[in-house]
């Protein structure tokens, strides 16, 4: 079995890749992670999804590809240049709402237990403000993070931050956690029912 064969990426991905290169964004979601996001989004019909860290919308496109017509996605990005790429390519899809803001501030404003899937793809909601992000998960909700395997782009000391996040998630009684040494390194957690 070859998991890179027949990924069937969203058609809009080529335009997003061009825009991503044009603005010099280097941290876009890889295709394997994207394919997993699409599958997980499909498991939440009519679901409310949250993407923390839109970047240029590569992960967003995969999430939208898995969502049904009744699902919604709130995607947060602080950098206007990156978000503009996502808005240009994906902004006509009524299921997605883009918000340019500091994710740490937005997390504090959102209603608790209101999301069925959270993809935390930036510092806030992953390495900072983790508790705030996890409080937004509904019972049975999925929490997904990528880039957990060592990357050449990691700054010095980042490996220790990643190890602390893994330990913190593993220690939680309210989550069922699976760590996958696949793609860029994925952690998938499900919030236990009440």
C-alpha atoms as a PDB file:
ATOM      1  CA  UNK A   1       0.000   0.000   0.000  1.00  0.00           C
ATOM      2  CA  UNK A   2       1.335   3.425  -0.988  1.00  0.00           C
ATOM      3  CA  UNK A   3      -0.340   6.212   0.972  1.00  0.00           C
ATOM      4  CA  UNK A   4       0.996   8.892  -1.379  1.00  0.00           C
ATOM      5  CA  UNK A   5      -0.682   7.358  -4.431  1.00  0.00           C
ATOM      6  CA  UNK A   6      -4.130   8.555  -5.498  1.00  0.00           C
ATOM      7  CA  UNK A   7      -4.498  11.282  -2.865  1.00  0.00           C
ATOM      8  CA  UNK A   8      -6.938  13.164  -5.122  1.00  0.00           C
ATOM      9  CA  UNK A   9      -6.125  16.660  -3.847  1.00  0.00           C
ATOM     10  CA  UNK A  10      -8.752  19.394  -4.058  1.00  0.00           C
ATOM     11  CA  UNK A  11      -8.684  21.045  -7.489  1.00  0.00           C
ATOM     12  CA  UNK A  12      -8.048  24.485  -5.963  1.00  0.00           C
ATOM     13  CA  UNK A  13      -4.796  23.245  -4.391  1.00  0.00           C
ATOM     14  CA  UNK A  14      -2.746  24.195  -7.482  1.00  0.00           C
ATOM     15  CA  UNK A  15      -3.873  27.838  -7.180  1.00  0.00           C
ATOM     16  CA  UNK A  16      -3.173  27.792  -3.449  1.00  0.00           C
ATOM     17  CA  UNK A  17       0.329  26.391  -4.033  1.00  0.00           C
ATOM     18  CA  UNK A  18       1.054  29.203  -6.513  1.00  0.00           C
ATOM     19  CA  UNK A  19      -0.165  31.816  -4.031  1.00  0.00           C
ATOM     20  CA  UNK A  20       1.754  30.156  -1.211  1.00  0.00           C
ATOM     21  CA  UNK A  21       5.014  30.346  -3.147  1.00  0.00           C
ATOM     22  CA  UNK A  22       4.319  33.959  -4.144  1.00  0.00           C
ATOM     23  CA  UNK A  23       4.041  35.121  -0.514  1.00  0.00           C
ATOM     24  CA  UNK A  24       6.921  32.922   0.677  1.00  0.00           C
ATOM     25  CA  UNK A  25       4.896  30.856   3.156  1.00  0.00           C
ATOM     26  CA  UNK A  26       6.966  27.794   4.137  1.00  0.00           C
ATOM     27  CA  UNK A  27       4.752  26.030   6.679  1.00  0.00           C
ATOM     28  CA  UNK A  28       1.793  24.832   4.588  1.00  0.00           C
ATOM     29  CA  UNK A  29       0.122  21.525   5.432  1.00  0.00           C
ATOM     30  CA  UNK A  30       1.536  18.600   3.487  1.00  0.00           C
ATOM     31  CA  UNK A  31      -0.688  16.423   1.255  1.00  0.00           C
ATOM     32  CA  UNK A  32      -0.783  13.430   3.621  1.00  0.00           C
ATOM     33  CA  UNK A  33      -1.943  15.605   6.503  1.00  0.00           C
ATOM     34  CA  UNK A  34      -4.429  17.209   4.136  1.00  0.00           C
ATOM     35  CA  UNK A  35      -5.861  13.834   3.121  1.00  0.00           C
ATOM     36  CA  UNK A  36      -6.296  12.917   6.783  1.00  0.00           C
ATOM     37  CA  UNK A  37      -7.997  16.254   7.505  1.00  0.00           C
ATOM     38  CA  UNK A  38     -10.409  15.631   4.627  1.00  0.00           C
ATOM     39  CA  UNK A  39     -11.318  12.207   6.029  1.00  0.00           C
ATOM     40  CA  UNK A  40     -11.757  13.524   9.566  1.00  0.00           C
ATOM     41  CA  UNK A  41     -13.911  16.423   8.346  1.00  0.00           C
ATOM     42  CA  UNK A  42     -16.116  13.925   6.493  1.00  0.00           C
ATOM     43  CA  UNK A  43     -16.701  12.125   9.809  1.00  0.00           C
ATOM     44  CA  UNK A  44     -18.480  15.218  11.171  1.00  0.00           C
ATOM     45  CA  UNK A  45     -21.600  15.749   9.024  1.00  0.00           C
ATOM     46  CA  UNK A  46     -23.164  19.102   9.837  1.00  0.00           C
ATOM     47  CA  UNK A  47     -20.181  19.708  12.116  1.00  0.00           C
ATOM     48  CA  UNK A  48     -18.589  22.898  13.366  1.00  0.00           C
ATOM     49  CA  UNK A  49     -14.887  22.938  12.576  1.00  0.00           C
ATOM     50  CA  UNK A  50     -12.152  25.294  13.753  1.00  0.00           C
ATOM     51  CA  UNK A  51      -8.787  25.812  12.093  1.00  0.00           C
ATOM     52  CA  UNK A  52      -6.291  27.715  14.202  1.00  0.00           C
ATOM     53  CA  UNK A  53      -3.684  29.016  11.770  1.00  0.00           C
ATOM     54  CA  UNK A  54      -5.049  29.281   8.238  1.00  0.00           C
ATOM     55  CA  UNK A  55      -1.699  30.113   6.696  1.00  0.00           C
ATOM     56  CA  UNK A  56      -2.467  30.350   2.979  1.00  0.00           C
ATOM     57  CA  UNK A  57      -5.369  27.892   3.142  1.00  0.00           C
ATOM     58  CA  UNK A  58      -3.767  24.597   2.145  1.00  0.00           C
ATOM     59  CA  UNK A  59      -5.217  22.751   5.159  1.00  0.00           C
ATOM     60  CA  UNK A  60      -8.436  24.721   4.761  1.00  0.00           C
ATOM     61  CA  UNK A  61      -8.913  23.365   1.235  1.00  0.00           C
ATOM     62  CA  UNK A  62      -8.557  19.778   2.438  1.00  0.00           C
ATOM     63  CA  UNK A  63     -10.996  20.359   5.320  1.00  0.00           C
ATOM     64  CA  UNK A  64     -13.551  21.888   2.949  1.00  0.00           C
ATOM     65  CA  UNK A  65     -13.125  18.930   0.581  1.00  0.00           C
ATOM     66  CA  UNK A  66     -14.286  16.579   3.355  1.00  0.00           C
ATOM     67  CA  UNK A  67     -17.073  18.725   4.789  1.00  0.00           C
ATOM     68  CA  UNK A  68     -20.700  18.226   3.815  1.00  0.00           C
ATOM     69  CA  UNK A  69     -23.020  21.084   2.845  1.00  0.00           C
ATOM     70  CA  UNK A  70     -24.226  21.531   6.435  1.00  0.00           C
ATOM     71  CA  UNK A  71     -20.802  21.797   8.053  1.00  0.00           C
ATOM     72  CA  UNK A  72     -19.094  25.109   8.849  1.00  0.00           C
ATOM     73  CA  UNK A  73     -15.462  26.087   9.300  1.00  0.00           C
ATOM     74  CA  UNK A  74     -14.026  29.048  11.189  1.00  0.00           C
ATOM     75  CA  UNK A  75     -10.405  29.624  10.144  1.00  0.00           C
ATOM     76  CA  UNK A  76      -8.193  32.098  12.014  1.00  0.00           C
ATOM     77  CA  UNK A  77      -4.978  33.677  10.744  1.00  0.00           C
ATOM     78  CA  UNK A  78      -3.014  36.651  12.049  1.00  0.00           C
ATOM     79  CA  UNK A  79      -0.965  37.428   8.912  1.00  0.00           C
ATOM     80  CA  UNK A  80      -2.972  39.365   6.309  1.00  0.00           C
ATOM     81  CA  UNK A  81      -0.640  38.430   3.415  1.00  0.00           C
ATOM     82  CA  UNK A  82      -1.125  34.721   4.008  1.00  0.00           C
ATOM     83  CA  UNK A  83      -4.845  35.017   4.701  1.00  0.00           C
ATOM     84  CA  UNK A  84      -5.351  36.968   1.481  1.00  0.00           C
ATOM     85  CA  UNK A  85      -4.236  33.915  -0.525  1.00  0.00           C
ATOM     86  CA  UNK A  86      -6.813  31.742   1.258  1.00  0.00           C
ATOM     87  CA  UNK A  87      -9.560  34.310   0.833  1.00  0.00           C
ATOM     88  CA  UNK A  88      -8.868  34.733  -2.892  1.00  0.00           C
ATOM     89  CA  UNK A  89      -8.946  30.999  -3.544  1.00  0.00           C
ATOM     90  CA  UNK A  90     -11.544  29.783  -1.038  1.00  0.00           C
ATOM     91  CA  UNK A  91     -13.561  32.839  -0.006  1.00  0.00           C
ATOM     92  CA  UNK A  92     -16.512  32.020  -2.281  1.00  0.00           C
ATOM     93  CA  UNK A  93     -17.278  28.881  -0.269  1.00  0.00           C
ATOM     94  CA  UNK A  94     -20.093  29.854   2.107  1.00  0.00           C
ATOM     95  CA  UNK A  95     -19.141  27.104   4.584  1.00  0.00           C
ATOM     96  CA  UNK A  96     -15.928  28.880   5.616  1.00  0.00           C
ATOM     97  CA  UNK A  97     -15.510  32.079   7.603  1.00  0.00           C
ATOM     98  CA  UNK A  98     -12.035  33.596   7.658  1.00  0.00           C
ATOM     99  CA  UNK A  99     -11.036  35.782  10.554  1.00  0.00           C
ATOM    100  CA  UNK A 100      -7.876  37.853  10.627  1.00  0.00           C
ATOM    101  CA  UNK A 101      -6.940  38.062  14.288  1.00  0.00           C
ATOM    102  CA  UNK A 102      -4.590  36.853  16.973  1.00  0.00           C
ATOM    103  CA  UNK A 103      -5.877  33.333  17.592  1.00  0.00           C
ATOM    104  CA  UNK A 104      -5.086  33.586  21.311  1.00  0.00           C
ATOM    105  CA  UNK A 105      -7.643  36.406  21.615  1.00  0.00           C
ATOM    106  CA  UNK A 106     -10.276  34.653  19.507  1.00  0.00           C
ATOM    107  CA  UNK A 107     -10.051  31.410  21.493  1.00  0.00           C
ATOM    108  CA  UNK A 108     -11.114  33.276  24.630  1.00  0.00           C
ATOM    109  CA  UNK A 109     -14.223  34.654  22.864  1.00  0.00           C
ATOM    110  CA  UNK A 110     -15.635  31.432  21.434  1.00  0.00           C
ATOM    111  CA  UNK A 111     -18.330  29.394  23.231  1.00  0.00           C
ATOM    112  CA  UNK A 112     -17.116  26.349  25.157  1.00  0.00           C
ATOM    113  CA  UNK A 113     -17.795  22.844  23.818  1.00  0.00           C
ATOM    114  CA  UNK A 114     -18.884  24.263  20.461  1.00  0.00           C
ATOM    115  CA  UNK A 115     -16.564  22.566  17.923  1.00  0.00           C
ATOM    116  CA  UNK A 116     -16.587  19.031  16.571  1.00  0.00           C
ATOM    117  CA  UNK A 117     -13.085  19.233  15.091  1.00  0.00           C
ATOM    118  CA  UNK A 118     -10.178  21.550  15.855  1.00  0.00           C
ATOM    119  CA  UNK A 119      -7.063  21.621  13.689  1.00  0.00           C
ATOM    120  CA  UNK A 120      -4.417  23.539  15.663  1.00  0.00           C
ATOM    121  CA  UNK A 121      -1.762  24.492  13.127  1.00  0.00           C
ATOM    122  CA  UNK A 122      -0.052  27.418  14.835  1.00  0.00           C
ATOM    123  CA  UNK A 123       1.360  28.251  18.270  1.00  0.00           C
ATOM    124  CA  UNK A 124      -1.935  29.316  19.870  1.00  0.00           C
ATOM    125  CA  UNK A 125      -4.063  26.300  20.603  1.00  0.00           C
ATOM    126  CA  UNK A 126      -1.033  24.047  20.461  1.00  0.00           C
ATOM    127  CA  UNK A 127       2.015  25.378  22.317  1.00  0.00           C
ATOM    128  CA  UNK A 128       0.178  28.240  24.008  1.00  0.00           C
ATOM    129  CA  UNK A 129      -3.471  28.550  25.003  1.00  0.00           C
ATOM    130  CA  UNK A 130      -3.918  24.785  24.849  1.00  0.00           C
ATOM    131  CA  UNK A 131      -6.486  24.728  27.645  1.00  0.00           C
ATOM    132  CA  UNK A 132      -8.563  27.398  25.904  1.00  0.00           C
ATOM    133  CA  UNK A 133      -8.525  25.428  22.645  1.00  0.00           C
ATOM    134  CA  UNK A 134      -9.428  22.111  24.264  1.00  0.00           C
ATOM    135  CA  UNK A 135     -12.297  23.735  26.175  1.00  0.00           C
ATOM    136  CA  UNK A 136     -13.895  24.493  22.789  1.00  0.00           C
ATOM    137  CA  UNK A 137     -14.177  20.800  21.873  1.00  0.00           C
ATOM    138  CA  UNK A 138     -17.594  19.198  22.147  1.00  0.00           C
ATOM    139  CA  UNK A 139     -17.740  15.674  23.589  1.00  0.00           C
ATOM    140  CA  UNK A 140     -16.584  13.330  20.843  1.00  0.00           C
ATOM    141  CA  UNK A 141     -14.774  16.229  19.174  1.00  0.00           C
ATOM    142  CA  UNK A 142     -11.451  15.713  17.429  1.00  0.00           C
ATOM    143  CA  UNK A 143      -8.307  17.709  18.210  1.00  0.00           C
ATOM    144  CA  UNK A 144      -5.621  17.433  15.511  1.00  0.00           C
ATOM    145  CA  UNK A 145      -2.071  18.778  15.427  1.00  0.00           C
ATOM    146  CA  UNK A 146       0.642  18.174  12.853  1.00  0.00           C
ATOM    147  CA  UNK A 147       4.364  18.907  12.539  1.00  0.00           C
ATOM    148  CA  UNK A 148       5.214  16.878  15.634  1.00  0.00           C
ATOM    149  CA  UNK A 149       8.178  15.021  14.093  1.00  0.00           C
ATOM    150  CA  UNK A 150      11.462  16.966  14.054  1.00  0.00           C
ATOM    151  CA  UNK A 151      11.554  19.449  11.172  1.00  0.00           C
ATOM    152  CA  UNK A 152      14.540  21.213   9.617  1.00  0.00           C
ATOM    153  CA  UNK A 153      12.668  24.502  10.129  1.00  0.00           C
ATOM    154  CA  UNK A 154      12.365  24.065  13.900  1.00  0.00           C
ATOM    155  CA  UNK A 155      14.182  26.726  15.905  1.00  0.00           C
ATOM    156  CA  UNK A 156      16.532  25.669  18.680  1.00  0.00           C
ATOM    157  CA  UNK A 157      14.602  24.480  21.728  1.00  0.00           C
ATOM    158  CA  UNK A 158      11.455  23.604  19.794  1.00  0.00           C
ATOM    159  CA  UNK A 159      11.935  19.847  20.218  1.00  0.00           C
ATOM    160  CA  UNK A 160      11.511  20.336  23.968  1.00  0.00           C
ATOM    161  CA  UNK A 161       8.259  22.275  23.401  1.00  0.00           C
ATOM    162  CA  UNK A 162       6.937  19.465  21.212  1.00  0.00           C
ATOM    163  CA  UNK A 163       7.875  16.876  23.839  1.00  0.00           C
ATOM    164  CA  UNK A 164       6.083  18.908  26.554  1.00  0.00           C
ATOM    165  CA  UNK A 165       2.946  19.111  24.405  1.00  0.00           C
ATOM    166  CA  UNK A 166       2.953  15.342  23.853  1.00  0.00           C
ATOM    167  CA  UNK A 167       3.381  14.734  27.583  1.00  0.00           C
ATOM    168  CA  UNK A 168       0.635  17.218  28.456  1.00  0.00           C
ATOM    169  CA  UNK A 169      -1.844  15.649  26.043  1.00  0.00           C
ATOM    170  CA  UNK A 170      -0.929  12.131  27.202  1.00  0.00           C
ATOM    171  CA  UNK A 171      -1.560  13.083  30.825  1.00  0.00           C
ATOM    172  CA  UNK A 172      -5.105  14.349  30.242  1.00  0.00           C
ATOM    173  CA  UNK A 173      -7.941  12.165  31.457  1.00  0.00           C
ATOM    174  CA  UNK A 174     -10.512  13.939  29.255  1.00  0.00           C
ATOM    175  CA  UNK A 175      -8.807  12.936  25.981  1.00  0.00           C
ATOM    176  CA  UNK A 176      -8.123   9.702  24.149  1.00  0.00           C
ATOM    177  CA  UNK A 177      -4.843  10.339  22.319  1.00  0.00           C
ATOM    178  CA  UNK A 178      -3.130   8.635  19.377  1.00  0.00           C
ATOM    179  CA  UNK A 179       0.314   9.712  18.204  1.00  0.00           C
ATOM    180  CA  UNK A 180       1.268   8.858  14.629  1.00  0.00           C
ATOM    181  CA  UNK A 181       4.810   8.902  13.223  1.00  0.00           C
ATOM    182  CA  UNK A 182       3.344   9.569   9.804  1.00  0.00           C
ATOM    183  CA  UNK A 183       3.331  12.553   7.449  1.00  0.00           C
ATOM    184  CA  UNK A 184       4.902  15.358   9.532  1.00  0.00           C
ATOM    185  CA  UNK A 185       3.913  13.706  12.815  1.00  0.00           C
ATOM    186  CA  UNK A 186       0.256  13.804  13.802  1.00  0.00           C
ATOM    187  CA  UNK A 187      -1.480  13.778  17.147  1.00  0.00           C
ATOM    188  CA  UNK A 188      -5.157  12.933  17.054  1.00  0.00           C
ATOM    189  CA  UNK A 189      -7.179  13.247  20.254  1.00  0.00           C
ATOM    190  CA  UNK A 190     -10.864  12.753  20.968  1.00  0.00           C
ATOM    191  CA  UNK A 191     -12.606  14.476  23.855  1.00  0.00           C
ATOM    192  CA  UNK A 192     -14.344  11.948  26.078  1.00  0.00           C
ATOM    193  CA  UNK A 193     -18.073  12.277  26.670  1.00  0.00           C
ATOM    194  CA  UNK A 194     -19.228  13.872  29.893  1.00  0.00           C
END
